[in-house]
Amino acid sequence: MNFCSDCGAPVALAVPQGDHLPRHVCTACNAIHYSNPKMVVGCVPEWEGRILLCRRAIEPRLGYWTMPAGFMENGETARQGAARETLEESGARVEVGELVTIISVPDISQVHLLFRARMLDAHHETTAESSEVRLFDEAGIPWDDLAFRTVRQTLHHYVEDRRRGVTGLHVIDLGPH
């Protein structure tokens, strides 16, 4: 950040009084501008026991499989964001349920909130963000071609919980690769 979004003056990195971390502080109006982690929301959509996954048509990790997820928008709840991302990436309409995982990824300043979801019908389709969208049974999940560690962790817990007949919440802190 170079300029204050309040008044347009230059900002400088400084530790504000009473704080413990450097922040962007306006040199004119003294506004403090915080930089906080981005929220990623998504879900594991299920239809008749199968899991909907999307092959990424965009970077990062072009061509790898993921569950539908993306950055939460201002003015929406986490569940609304997960449903929106699912529709945008797969064309599927879902009823978003409980959380599967909360995953902190501090090295890229993200927190992922990934939910269970029930597809409202079998419809799914390719989109600008997904070159292929498919339903997988457990044995067919492309474990070696998953896009992100958060996807692997969430699917692992989802599948294990389903096998055990439980719906646990898994809180995970991922370190650097």
Foldseek 3Di string as FASTA:
>chain_A
DAADPVPGAGWDFDADPPGDGTFTAGPPPRDTDDDAFWEKAAEFEDDPQWTKWFQFCDDDLHRFIFGQMGTDDPPDDSQVRHQVSNCQAWVFGWDWDAWAEWEAEPVRRYTYTYTYIYTPDPDTDGHNGGPDMDTHHPVRPPLVRHRDPVRNVSVVSVVVCVVVVHRDYYYYYDYDD
